[in-house]
């Protein structure tokens, strides 16, 4: 990412234009790369909170519906990972409706700015004792040990990754022990107009087909009633990961992104003795992206 790219994208965003489309044209690609997604969403930090506050009843109804579907797939002391958590709005409101004691709740997003604002939203809006542990990461390279999270969930997080859906699902399968409960846009349930819109924006499609290719199993697909955009309908995909032989960990453990090399806290960094890589912790939020790593082999 170049600083000038961010400045140009910020100017486009302030004019009310489509940032992802601008960046795709600038980088001469039809794909919403991780870099494009990070820039576009980081510039929007705070806007989702404003939208929730302006449409509180609609947001509460959506979260209540999601929690009713998610709860039967959770057991006491389970760990839960929300990928693409953004400003932690949906996760916070969902947790308010879950009466199961979870051992650990993690919130992953590619944008530090959104998580930073989201932690405050969670603190101001939670009515449970559940705390959320945020960290910056790319869903393509999750910095958690294999088979360390009981249930993985999302809310329109995989949405812009049309060309990478197989890669993302494979990585979710790597870290999940029990299930994926994903609330994502459904191309197949959409209208012709909605499908054309999703194609134009590079959104995901055929989640069921990709799951089968990877050896997983789609247990259920549930259309969500409380949707904010009829051209972008939400469905819940309840998915069982492929069978595995890896030993499951009792609790999520931070690792070098996409690997099982353990990270340990070292001052304001998380450090890997195996690789010599250090990752910063900015205002309490670990930044665990590969391009954020600092090589410090002399500490090994």
C-alpha atoms as a PDB file:
ATOM      1  CA  UNK A   1       0.000   0.000   0.000  1.00  0.00           C
ATOM      2  CA  UNK A   2       1.355   3.404  -0.976  1.00  0.00           C
ATOM      3  CA  UNK A   3       0.528   6.512   1.023  1.00  0.00           C
ATOM      4  CA  UNK A   4      -0.499   8.342  -2.153  1.00  0.00           C
ATOM      5  CA  UNK A   5      -3.053   5.594  -2.898  1.00  0.00           C
ATOM      6  CA  UNK A   6      -4.729   6.252   0.462  1.00  0.00           C
ATOM      7  CA  UNK A   7      -4.773  10.027  -0.075  1.00  0.00           C
ATOM      8  CA  UNK A   8      -6.350   9.634  -3.510  1.00  0.00           C
ATOM      9  CA  UNK A   9      -8.897   7.127  -2.203  1.00  0.00           C
ATOM     10  CA  UNK A  10      -9.766   9.459   0.682  1.00  0.00           C
ATOM     11  CA  UNK A  11     -10.480  12.257  -1.784  1.00  0.00           C
ATOM     12  CA  UNK A  12     -12.751   9.921  -3.792  1.00  0.00           C
ATOM     13  CA  UNK A  13     -14.578   8.806  -0.626  1.00  0.00           C
ATOM     14  CA  UNK A  14     -15.137  12.395   0.526  1.00  0.00           C
ATOM     15  CA  UNK A  15     -16.805  13.126  -2.824  1.00  0.00           C
ATOM     16  CA  UNK A  16     -19.247  10.286  -2.161  1.00  0.00           C
ATOM     17  CA  UNK A  17     -17.893   8.135  -4.991  1.00  0.00           C
ATOM     18  CA  UNK A  18     -17.290   4.363  -4.959  1.00  0.00           C
ATOM     19  CA  UNK A  19     -13.808   3.816  -3.515  1.00  0.00           C
ATOM     20  CA  UNK A  20     -13.473   0.127  -4.367  1.00  0.00           C
ATOM     21  CA  UNK A  21     -14.408   0.774  -7.989  1.00  0.00           C
ATOM     22  CA  UNK A  22     -11.892   3.631  -8.154  1.00  0.00           C
ATOM     23  CA  UNK A  23      -9.131   1.455  -6.696  1.00  0.00           C
ATOM     24  CA  UNK A  24      -9.899  -1.463  -9.015  1.00  0.00           C
ATOM     25  CA  UNK A  25      -9.561   0.869 -11.980  1.00  0.00           C
ATOM     26  CA  UNK A  26      -6.371   2.412 -10.572  1.00  0.00           C
ATOM     27  CA  UNK A  27      -4.742  -0.960  -9.951  1.00  0.00           C
ATOM     28  CA  UNK A  28      -6.119  -2.341 -13.246  1.00  0.00           C
ATOM     29  CA  UNK A  29      -7.866  -5.335 -11.667  1.00  0.00           C
ATOM     30  CA  UNK A  30     -11.349  -6.797 -11.530  1.00  0.00           C
ATOM     31  CA  UNK A  31     -10.659  -8.270  -8.108  1.00  0.00           C
ATOM     32  CA  UNK A  32     -11.227  -6.652  -4.708  1.00  0.00           C
ATOM     33  CA  UNK A  33      -7.774  -7.398  -3.307  1.00  0.00           C
ATOM     34  CA  UNK A  34      -7.017  -7.310   0.430  1.00  0.00           C
ATOM     35  CA  UNK A  35      -5.304  -3.950  -0.119  1.00  0.00           C
ATOM     36  CA  UNK A  36      -8.361  -2.471  -1.836  1.00  0.00           C
ATOM     37  CA  UNK A  37     -10.690  -3.794   0.864  1.00  0.00           C
ATOM     38  CA  UNK A  38      -8.496  -2.436   3.655  1.00  0.00           C
ATOM     39  CA  UNK A  39      -8.280   1.065   2.187  1.00  0.00           C
ATOM     40  CA  UNK A  40     -11.979   1.256   1.329  1.00  0.00           C
ATOM     41  CA  UNK A  41     -13.221   0.075   4.714  1.00  0.00           C
ATOM     42  CA  UNK A  42     -10.675   1.952   6.810  1.00  0.00           C
ATOM     43  CA  UNK A  43     -11.835   5.208   5.216  1.00  0.00           C
ATOM     44  CA  UNK A  44     -15.400   4.352   6.270  1.00  0.00           C
ATOM     45  CA  UNK A  45     -14.499   3.862   9.940  1.00  0.00           C
ATOM     46  CA  UNK A  46     -17.332   5.140  12.108  1.00  0.00           C
ATOM     47  CA  UNK A  47     -19.963   5.158   9.367  1.00  0.00           C
ATOM     48  CA  UNK A  48     -21.412   1.774  10.346  1.00  0.00           C
ATOM     49  CA  UNK A  49     -21.808   2.897  13.959  1.00  0.00           C
ATOM     50  CA  UNK A  50     -23.579   6.030  12.753  1.00  0.00           C
ATOM     51  CA  UNK A  51     -25.880   3.892  10.613  1.00  0.00           C
ATOM     52  CA  UNK A  52     -26.711   1.565  13.508  1.00  0.00           C
ATOM     53  CA  UNK A  53     -27.477   4.508  15.788  1.00  0.00           C
ATOM     54  CA  UNK A  54     -29.701   6.072  13.103  1.00  0.00           C
ATOM     55  CA  UNK A  55     -31.536   2.786  12.471  1.00  0.00           C
ATOM     56  CA  UNK A  56     -31.427   1.187  15.894  1.00  0.00           C
ATOM     57  CA  UNK A  57     -34.636  -0.839  15.697  1.00  0.00           C
ATOM     58  CA  UNK A  58     -33.710  -2.344  12.321  1.00  0.00           C
ATOM     59  CA  UNK A  59     -30.199  -3.178  13.582  1.00  0.00           C
ATOM     60  CA  UNK A  60     -31.570  -4.780  16.755  1.00  0.00           C
ATOM     61  CA  UNK A  61     -34.039  -6.890  14.755  1.00  0.00           C
ATOM     62  CA  UNK A  62     -31.266  -8.097  12.434  1.00  0.00           C
ATOM     63  CA  UNK A  63     -29.007  -8.988  15.380  1.00  0.00           C
ATOM     64  CA  UNK A  64     -31.839 -10.749  17.205  1.00  0.00           C
ATOM     65  CA  UNK A  65     -32.573 -12.906  14.173  1.00  0.00           C
ATOM     66  CA  UNK A  66     -28.892 -13.782  13.799  1.00  0.00           C
ATOM     67  CA  UNK A  67     -28.527 -14.678  17.484  1.00  0.00           C
ATOM     68  CA  UNK A  68     -31.565 -17.010  17.340  1.00  0.00           C
ATOM     69  CA  UNK A  69     -29.928 -18.912  14.488  1.00  0.00           C
ATOM     70  CA  UNK A  70     -26.422 -18.885  15.983  1.00  0.00           C
ATOM     71  CA  UNK A  71     -27.281 -19.973  19.540  1.00  0.00           C
ATOM     72  CA  UNK A  72     -28.199 -23.617  18.808  1.00  0.00           C
ATOM     73  CA  UNK A  73     -24.687 -24.084  17.405  1.00  0.00           C
ATOM     74  CA  UNK A  74     -22.943 -22.807  20.548  1.00  0.00           C
ATOM     75  CA  UNK A  75     -22.203 -24.694  23.757  1.00  0.00           C
ATOM     76  CA  UNK A  76     -21.089 -23.449  27.152  1.00  0.00           C
ATOM     77  CA  UNK A  77     -17.413 -22.401  27.193  1.00  0.00           C
ATOM     78  CA  UNK A  78     -17.144 -22.400  23.395  1.00  0.00           C
ATOM     79  CA  UNK A  79     -14.850 -19.915  21.677  1.00  0.00           C
ATOM     80  CA  UNK A  80     -16.316 -17.724  18.935  1.00  0.00           C
ATOM     81  CA  UNK A  81     -14.470 -15.911  16.138  1.00  0.00           C
ATOM     82  CA  UNK A  82     -16.213 -13.165  14.164  1.00  0.00           C
ATOM     83  CA  UNK A  83     -14.325 -12.542  10.916  1.00  0.00           C
ATOM     84  CA  UNK A  84     -14.656  -9.161   9.230  1.00  0.00           C
ATOM     85  CA  UNK A  85     -16.131  -7.786  12.450  1.00  0.00           C
ATOM     86  CA  UNK A  86     -15.730  -4.186  11.277  1.00  0.00           C
ATOM     87  CA  UNK A  87     -16.919  -1.774  13.949  1.00  0.00           C
ATOM     88  CA  UNK A  88     -18.160  -4.687  16.091  1.00  0.00           C
ATOM     89  CA  UNK A  89     -21.730  -3.405  15.788  1.00  0.00           C
ATOM     90  CA  UNK A  90     -23.446  -6.616  14.720  1.00  0.00           C
ATOM     91  CA  UNK A  91     -21.325  -8.803  17.009  1.00  0.00           C
ATOM     92  CA  UNK A  92     -22.068  -6.609  20.029  1.00  0.00           C
ATOM     93  CA  UNK A  93     -25.820  -6.638  19.435  1.00  0.00           C
ATOM     94  CA  UNK A  94     -25.806 -10.382  18.723  1.00  0.00           C
ATOM     95  CA  UNK A  95     -23.930 -11.120  21.961  1.00  0.00           C
ATOM     96  CA  UNK A  96     -26.515  -9.114  23.877  1.00  0.00           C
ATOM     97  CA  UNK A  97     -29.064 -11.750  22.854  1.00  0.00           C
ATOM     98  CA  UNK A  98     -26.976 -14.834  23.623  1.00  0.00           C
ATOM     99  CA  UNK A  99     -27.365 -16.335  27.092  1.00  0.00           C
ATOM    100  CA  UNK A 100     -24.567 -18.880  26.781  1.00  0.00           C
ATOM    101  CA  UNK A 101     -21.312 -18.403  28.687  1.00  0.00           C
ATOM    102  CA  UNK A 102     -18.584 -18.332  26.048  1.00  0.00           C
ATOM    103  CA  UNK A 103     -14.932 -18.801  26.965  1.00  0.00           C
ATOM    104  CA  UNK A 104     -13.509 -16.426  24.366  1.00  0.00           C
ATOM    105  CA  UNK A 105     -14.918 -14.050  21.755  1.00  0.00           C
ATOM    106  CA  UNK A 106     -12.522 -12.805  19.071  1.00  0.00           C
ATOM    107  CA  UNK A 107     -13.140 -10.078  16.493  1.00  0.00           C
ATOM    108  CA  UNK A 108     -10.974 -10.031  13.354  1.00  0.00           C
ATOM    109  CA  UNK A 109     -10.924  -7.213  10.823  1.00  0.00           C
ATOM    110  CA  UNK A 110      -8.442  -5.941   8.247  1.00  0.00           C
ATOM    111  CA  UNK A 111      -8.968  -2.333   9.393  1.00  0.00           C
ATOM    112  CA  UNK A 112      -7.433  -1.126  12.662  1.00  0.00           C
ATOM    113  CA  UNK A 113      -9.488   2.090  12.553  1.00  0.00           C
ATOM    114  CA  UNK A 114     -12.790   0.203  12.435  1.00  0.00           C
ATOM    115  CA  UNK A 115     -11.836  -2.085  15.317  1.00  0.00           C
ATOM    116  CA  UNK A 116     -10.668   0.881  17.370  1.00  0.00           C
ATOM    117  CA  UNK A 117     -14.050   2.569  17.020  1.00  0.00           C
ATOM    118  CA  UNK A 118     -15.821  -0.759  17.428  1.00  0.00           C
ATOM    119  CA  UNK A 119     -14.335  -1.519  20.833  1.00  0.00           C
ATOM    120  CA  UNK A 120     -15.818   1.719  22.161  1.00  0.00           C
ATOM    121  CA  UNK A 121     -19.187   0.841  20.615  1.00  0.00           C
ATOM    122  CA  UNK A 122     -19.055  -2.567  22.286  1.00  0.00           C
ATOM    123  CA  UNK A 123     -18.159  -1.035  25.640  1.00  0.00           C
ATOM    124  CA  UNK A 124     -21.013   1.481  25.392  1.00  0.00           C
ATOM    125  CA  UNK A 125     -23.647  -0.969  24.144  1.00  0.00           C
ATOM    126  CA  UNK A 126     -23.047  -4.371  25.718  1.00  0.00           C
ATOM    127  CA  UNK A 127     -25.492  -5.619  28.350  1.00  0.00           C
ATOM    128  CA  UNK A 128     -23.536  -8.781  29.171  1.00  0.00           C
ATOM    129  CA  UNK A 129     -20.212  -9.536  30.825  1.00  0.00           C
ATOM    130  CA  UNK A 130     -18.827 -10.829  27.542  1.00  0.00           C
ATOM    131  CA  UNK A 131     -15.658  -9.055  26.423  1.00  0.00           C
ATOM    132  CA  UNK A 132     -14.496  -8.972  22.825  1.00  0.00           C
ATOM    133  CA  UNK A 133     -10.827  -9.395  21.914  1.00  0.00           C
ATOM    134  CA  UNK A 134     -10.065  -7.547  18.656  1.00  0.00           C
ATOM    135  CA  UNK A 135      -7.125  -8.089  16.317  1.00  0.00           C
ATOM    136  CA  UNK A 136      -6.183  -6.848  12.851  1.00  0.00           C
ATOM    137  CA  UNK A 137      -5.717  -9.575  10.243  1.00  0.00           C
ATOM    138  CA  UNK A 138      -6.497 -10.696   6.724  1.00  0.00           C
ATOM    139  CA  UNK A 139      -9.050 -13.524   6.508  1.00  0.00           C
ATOM    140  CA  UNK A 140      -6.776 -15.153   3.924  1.00  0.00           C
ATOM    141  CA  UNK A 141      -4.086 -15.548   6.626  1.00  0.00           C
ATOM    142  CA  UNK A 142      -5.699 -15.868  10.042  1.00  0.00           C
ATOM    143  CA  UNK A 143      -3.133 -15.577  12.877  1.00  0.00           C
ATOM    144  CA  UNK A 144      -4.605 -18.408  14.946  1.00  0.00           C
ATOM    145  CA  UNK A 145      -3.454 -21.975  15.530  1.00  0.00           C
ATOM    146  CA  UNK A 146      -5.162 -24.657  13.428  1.00  0.00           C
ATOM    147  CA  UNK A 147      -8.335 -26.075  15.012  1.00  0.00           C
ATOM    148  CA  UNK A 148      -8.309 -23.589  17.873  1.00  0.00           C
ATOM    149  CA  UNK A 149     -11.765 -21.933  17.534  1.00  0.00           C
ATOM    150  CA  UNK A 150     -15.040 -23.748  18.141  1.00  0.00           C
ATOM    151  CA  UNK A 151     -17.339 -21.651  15.940  1.00  0.00           C
ATOM    152  CA  UNK A 152     -16.578 -19.063  13.259  1.00  0.00           C
ATOM    153  CA  UNK A 153     -19.205 -16.517  12.271  1.00  0.00           C
ATOM    154  CA  UNK A 154     -19.472 -13.511   9.963  1.00  0.00           C
ATOM    155  CA  UNK A 155     -21.891 -10.850   8.765  1.00  0.00           C
ATOM    156  CA  UNK A 156     -21.266  -9.778   5.157  1.00  0.00           C
ATOM    157  CA  UNK A 157     -17.521 -10.132   5.728  1.00  0.00           C
ATOM    158  CA  UNK A 158     -16.742 -12.492   2.857  1.00  0.00           C
ATOM    159  CA  UNK A 159     -19.028 -10.387   0.667  1.00  0.00           C
ATOM    160  CA  UNK A 160     -16.493  -8.410  -1.461  1.00  0.00           C
ATOM    161  CA  UNK A 161     -14.153 -11.371  -1.999  1.00  0.00           C
ATOM    162  CA  UNK A 162     -15.749 -12.940  -5.066  1.00  0.00           C
ATOM    163  CA  UNK A 163     -12.472 -14.148  -6.592  1.00  0.00           C
ATOM    164  CA  UNK A 164     -11.083 -15.409  -3.283  1.00  0.00           C
ATOM    165  CA  UNK A 165     -14.034 -17.238  -1.713  1.00  0.00           C
ATOM    166  CA  UNK A 166     -12.327 -20.642  -1.961  1.00  0.00           C
ATOM    167  CA  UNK A 167      -9.153 -19.333  -0.309  1.00  0.00           C
ATOM    168  CA  UNK A 168     -11.137 -17.699   2.504  1.00  0.00           C
ATOM    169  CA  UNK A 169     -13.252 -20.763   3.219  1.00  0.00           C
ATOM    170  CA  UNK A 170     -10.139 -22.960   3.286  1.00  0.00           C
ATOM    171  CA  UNK A 171      -8.582 -20.698   5.909  1.00  0.00           C
ATOM    172  CA  UNK A 172     -11.777 -20.683   7.994  1.00  0.00           C
ATOM    173  CA  UNK A 173     -11.795 -24.480   7.798  1.00  0.00           C
ATOM    174  CA  UNK A 174      -8.176 -24.493   9.026  1.00  0.00           C
ATOM    175  CA  UNK A 175      -8.966 -22.698  12.298  1.00  0.00           C
ATOM    176  CA  UNK A 176     -12.526 -23.956  12.999  1.00  0.00           C
ATOM    177  CA  UNK A 177     -13.145 -27.008  15.156  1.00  0.00           C
ATOM    178  CA  UNK A 178     -16.921 -27.422  14.976  1.00  0.00           C
ATOM    179  CA  UNK A 179     -18.828 -25.171  12.592  1.00  0.00           C
ATOM    180  CA  UNK A 180     -18.994 -22.076  10.456  1.00  0.00           C
ATOM    181  CA  UNK A 181     -22.207 -20.064  10.832  1.00  0.00           C
ATOM    182  CA  UNK A 182     -21.847 -17.439   8.119  1.00  0.00           C
ATOM    183  CA  UNK A 183     -24.344 -14.669   7.404  1.00  0.00           C
ATOM    184  CA  UNK A 184     -23.463 -13.633   3.888  1.00  0.00           C
ATOM    185  CA  UNK A 185     -25.185 -12.278   0.751  1.00  0.00           C
ATOM    186  CA  UNK A 186     -26.844 -14.967  -1.341  1.00  0.00           C
ATOM    187  CA  UNK A 187     -26.351 -14.681  -5.082  1.00  0.00           C
ATOM    188  CA  UNK A 188     -28.609 -17.661  -5.621  1.00  0.00           C
ATOM    189  CA  UNK A 189     -31.543 -16.138  -3.683  1.00  0.00           C
ATOM    190  CA  UNK A 190     -31.132 -12.748  -5.348  1.00  0.00           C
ATOM    191  CA  UNK A 191     -33.166 -11.166  -8.135  1.00  0.00           C
ATOM    192  CA  UNK A 192     -31.712 -10.700 -11.620  1.00  0.00           C
ATOM    193  CA  UNK A 193     -31.131  -7.033 -10.793  1.00  0.00           C
ATOM    194  CA  UNK A 194     -29.445  -7.964  -7.538  1.00  0.00           C
ATOM    195  CA  UNK A 195     -27.260 -10.561  -9.232  1.00  0.00           C
ATOM    196  CA  UNK A 196     -26.107  -7.983 -11.792  1.00  0.00           C
ATOM    197  CA  UNK A 197     -25.220  -5.634  -8.937  1.00  0.00           C
ATOM    198  CA  UNK A 198     -23.256  -8.340  -7.110  1.00  0.00           C
ATOM    199  CA  UNK A 199     -21.398  -9.238 -10.317  1.00  0.00           C
ATOM    200  CA  UNK A 200     -20.465  -5.592 -10.862  1.00  0.00           C
ATOM    201  CA  UNK A 201     -19.189  -5.224  -7.285  1.00  0.00           C
ATOM    202  CA  UNK A 202     -17.217  -8.474  -7.335  1.00  0.00           C
ATOM    203  CA  UNK A 203     -19.277 -10.103  -4.582  1.00  0.00           C
ATOM    204  CA  UNK A 204     -19.212 -13.787  -3.644  1.00  0.00           C
ATOM    205  CA  UNK A 205     -21.399 -16.497  -5.159  1.00  0.00           C
ATOM    206  CA  UNK A 206     -21.885 -20.274  -4.952  1.00  0.00           C
ATOM    207  CA  UNK A 207     -20.774 -20.667  -1.328  1.00  0.00           C
ATOM    208  CA  UNK A 208     -22.326 -24.145  -1.268  1.00  0.00           C
ATOM    209  CA  UNK A 209     -20.340 -25.288  -4.304  1.00  0.00           C
ATOM    210  CA  UNK A 210     -17.061 -23.970  -2.890  1.00  0.00           C
ATOM    211  CA  UNK A 211     -17.684 -25.698   0.454  1.00  0.00           C
ATOM    212  CA  UNK A 212     -18.245 -29.033  -1.290  1.00  0.00           C
ATOM    213  CA  UNK A 213     -15.070 -28.602  -3.385  1.00  0.00           C
ATOM    214  CA  UNK A 214     -13.078 -28.160  -0.163  1.00  0.00           C
ATOM    215  CA  UNK A 215     -14.570 -31.229   1.480  1.00  0.00           C
ATOM    216  CA  UNK A 216     -16.914 -29.405   3.834  1.00  0.00           C
ATOM    217  CA  UNK A 217     -20.642 -29.949   4.279  1.00  0.00           C
ATOM    218  CA  UNK A 218     -23.450 -27.383   4.095  1.00  0.00           C
ATOM    219  CA  UNK A 219     -25.878 -28.378   6.837  1.00  0.00           C
ATOM    220  CA  UNK A 220     -28.428 -25.621   6.238  1.00  0.00           C
ATOM    221  CA  UNK A 221     -29.118 -22.441   4.271  1.00  0.00           C
ATOM    222  CA  UNK A 222     -31.570 -20.041   5.908  1.00  0.00           C
ATOM    223  CA  UNK A 223     -32.874 -16.877   4.266  1.00  0.00           C
ATOM    224  CA  UNK A 224     -32.701 -13.895   6.643  1.00  0.00           C
ATOM    225  CA  UNK A 225     -35.885 -11.851   6.898  1.00  0.00           C
ATOM    226  CA  UNK A 226     -34.403  -8.637   8.306  1.00  0.00           C
ATOM    227  CA  UNK A 227     -32.332  -7.354   5.392  1.00  0.00           C
ATOM    228  CA  UNK A 228     -31.338  -3.742   4.829  1.00  0.00           C
ATOM    229  CA  UNK A 229     -31.005  -3.993   1.038  1.00  0.00           C
ATOM    230  CA  UNK A 230     -33.339  -6.163  -1.058  1.00  0.00           C
ATOM    231  CA  UNK A 231     -30.680  -6.227  -3.794  1.00  0.00           C
ATOM    232  CA  UNK A 232     -28.249  -7.816  -1.316  1.00  0.00           C
ATOM    233  CA  UNK A 233     -30.244 -10.489   0.562  1.00  0.00           C
ATOM    234  CA  UNK A 234     -28.597 -12.272   3.476  1.00  0.00           C
ATOM    235  CA  UNK A 235     -28.597 -16.017   4.026  1.00  0.00           C
ATOM    236  CA  UNK A 236     -27.146 -18.031   6.887  1.00  0.00           C
ATOM    237  CA  UNK A 237     -24.849 -20.845   5.783  1.00  0.00           C
ATOM    238  CA  UNK A 238     -24.364 -23.459   8.505  1.00  0.00           C
ATOM    239  CA  UNK A 239     -21.249 -25.379   7.494  1.00  0.00           C
ATOM    240  CA  UNK A 240     -19.348 -28.325   8.898  1.00  0.00           C
ATOM    241  CA  UNK A 241     -15.584 -28.218   8.197  1.00  0.00           C
ATOM    242  CA  UNK A 242     -13.891 -31.162   6.478  1.00  0.00           C
ATOM    243  CA  UNK A 243     -12.831 -34.047   8.711  1.00  0.00           C
ATOM    244  CA  UNK A 244      -9.328 -33.556  10.101  1.00  0.00           C
ATOM    245  CA  UNK A 245      -6.619 -35.348  12.040  1.00  0.00           C
ATOM    246  CA  UNK A 246      -5.029 -32.311  13.696  1.00  0.00           C
ATOM    247  CA  UNK A 247      -5.158 -32.046  17.467  1.00  0.00           C
ATOM    248  CA  UNK A 248      -7.703 -29.415  18.547  1.00  0.00           C
ATOM    249  CA  UNK A 249      -6.501 -26.738  20.961  1.00  0.00           C
ATOM    250  CA  UNK A 250      -8.623 -25.895  23.979  1.00  0.00           C
ATOM    251  CA  UNK A 251      -8.317 -22.145  23.392  1.00  0.00           C
ATOM    252  CA  UNK A 252      -7.434 -19.830  20.488  1.00  0.00           C
ATOM    253  CA  UNK A 253      -3.721 -19.013  20.328  1.00  0.00           C
ATOM    254  CA  UNK A 254      -2.153 -16.190  18.300  1.00  0.00           C
ATOM    255  CA  UNK A 255       0.324 -17.378  15.673  1.00  0.00           C
ATOM    256  CA  UNK A 256       2.265 -15.961  12.743  1.00  0.00           C
ATOM    257  CA  UNK A 257      -0.495 -15.332  10.137  1.00  0.00           C
ATOM    258  CA  UNK A 258      -1.640 -18.500   8.394  1.00  0.00           C
ATOM    259  CA  UNK A 259       0.733 -20.778  10.349  1.00  0.00           C
ATOM    260  CA  UNK A 260       1.048 -22.608  13.667  1.00  0.00           C
ATOM    261  CA  UNK A 261       4.164 -20.666  14.803  1.00  0.00           C
ATOM    262  CA  UNK A 262       3.127 -19.352  18.204  1.00  0.00           C
ATOM    263  CA  UNK A 263       3.316 -15.655  19.105  1.00  0.00           C
ATOM    264  CA  UNK A 264       4.055 -14.433  22.634  1.00  0.00           C
ATOM    265  CA  UNK A 265       3.611 -10.970  24.114  1.00  0.00           C
ATOM    266  CA  UNK A 266       6.881  -9.025  24.299  1.00  0.00           C
ATOM    267  CA  UNK A 267       6.229  -5.446  25.419  1.00  0.00           C
ATOM    268  CA  UNK A 268       4.211  -3.688  22.721  1.00  0.00           C
ATOM    269  CA  UNK A 269       4.744  -6.544  20.289  1.00  0.00           C
ATOM    270  CA  UNK A 270       3.830 -10.162  19.722  1.00  0.00           C
ATOM    271  CA  UNK A 271       7.008 -12.120  18.935  1.00  0.00           C
ATOM    272  CA  UNK A 272       7.663 -15.470  17.240  1.00  0.00           C
ATOM    273  CA  UNK A 273      10.796 -17.262  18.444  1.00  0.00           C
ATOM    274  CA  UNK A 274      10.472 -19.693  15.530  1.00  0.00           C
ATOM    275  CA  UNK A 275      10.600 -17.065  12.777  1.00  0.00           C
ATOM    276  CA  UNK A 276      12.052 -13.945  14.407  1.00  0.00           C
ATOM    277  CA  UNK A 277       8.991 -11.937  13.383  1.00  0.00           C
ATOM    278  CA  UNK A 278       7.465  -9.268  15.620  1.00  0.00           C
ATOM    279  CA  UNK A 279       3.988  -7.761  15.216  1.00  0.00           C
ATOM    280  CA  UNK A 280       2.949  -4.442  16.802  1.00  0.00           C
ATOM    281  CA  UNK A 281       0.153  -3.937  19.314  1.00  0.00           C
ATOM    282  CA  UNK A 282      -1.432  -0.525  18.670  1.00  0.00           C
ATOM    283  CA  UNK A 283      -3.554   0.814  21.542  1.00  0.00           C
ATOM    284  CA  UNK A 284      -4.188  -2.710  22.770  1.00  0.00           C
ATOM    285  CA  UNK A 285      -5.112  -4.120  19.353  1.00  0.00           C
ATOM    286  CA  UNK A 286      -2.601  -6.604  17.844  1.00  0.00           C
ATOM    287  CA  UNK A 287      -1.819  -5.915  14.175  1.00  0.00           C
ATOM    288  CA  UNK A 288      -1.252  -9.407  12.796  1.00  0.00           C
ATOM    289  CA  UNK A 289      -0.940  -8.908   9.058  1.00  0.00           C
ATOM    290  CA  UNK A 290       2.056 -10.301   7.172  1.00  0.00           C
ATOM    291  CA  UNK A 291       2.964  -6.860   5.806  1.00  0.00           C
ATOM    292  CA  UNK A 292       3.021  -5.449   9.350  1.00  0.00           C
ATOM    293  CA  UNK A 293       5.705  -7.862  10.536  1.00  0.00           C
ATOM    294  CA  UNK A 294       9.145  -6.677  11.642  1.00  0.00           C
ATOM    295  CA  UNK A 295      12.092  -9.043  11.213  1.00  0.00           C
ATOM    296  CA  UNK A 296      14.014  -9.202  14.517  1.00  0.00           C
ATOM    297  CA  UNK A 297      15.990 -12.444  14.445  1.00  0.00           C
ATOM    298  CA  UNK A 298      18.526 -11.164  17.009  1.00  0.00           C
ATOM    299  CA  UNK A 299      15.818 -11.666  19.673  1.00  0.00           C
ATOM    300  CA  UNK A 300      15.602 -15.410  18.948  1.00  0.00           C
END
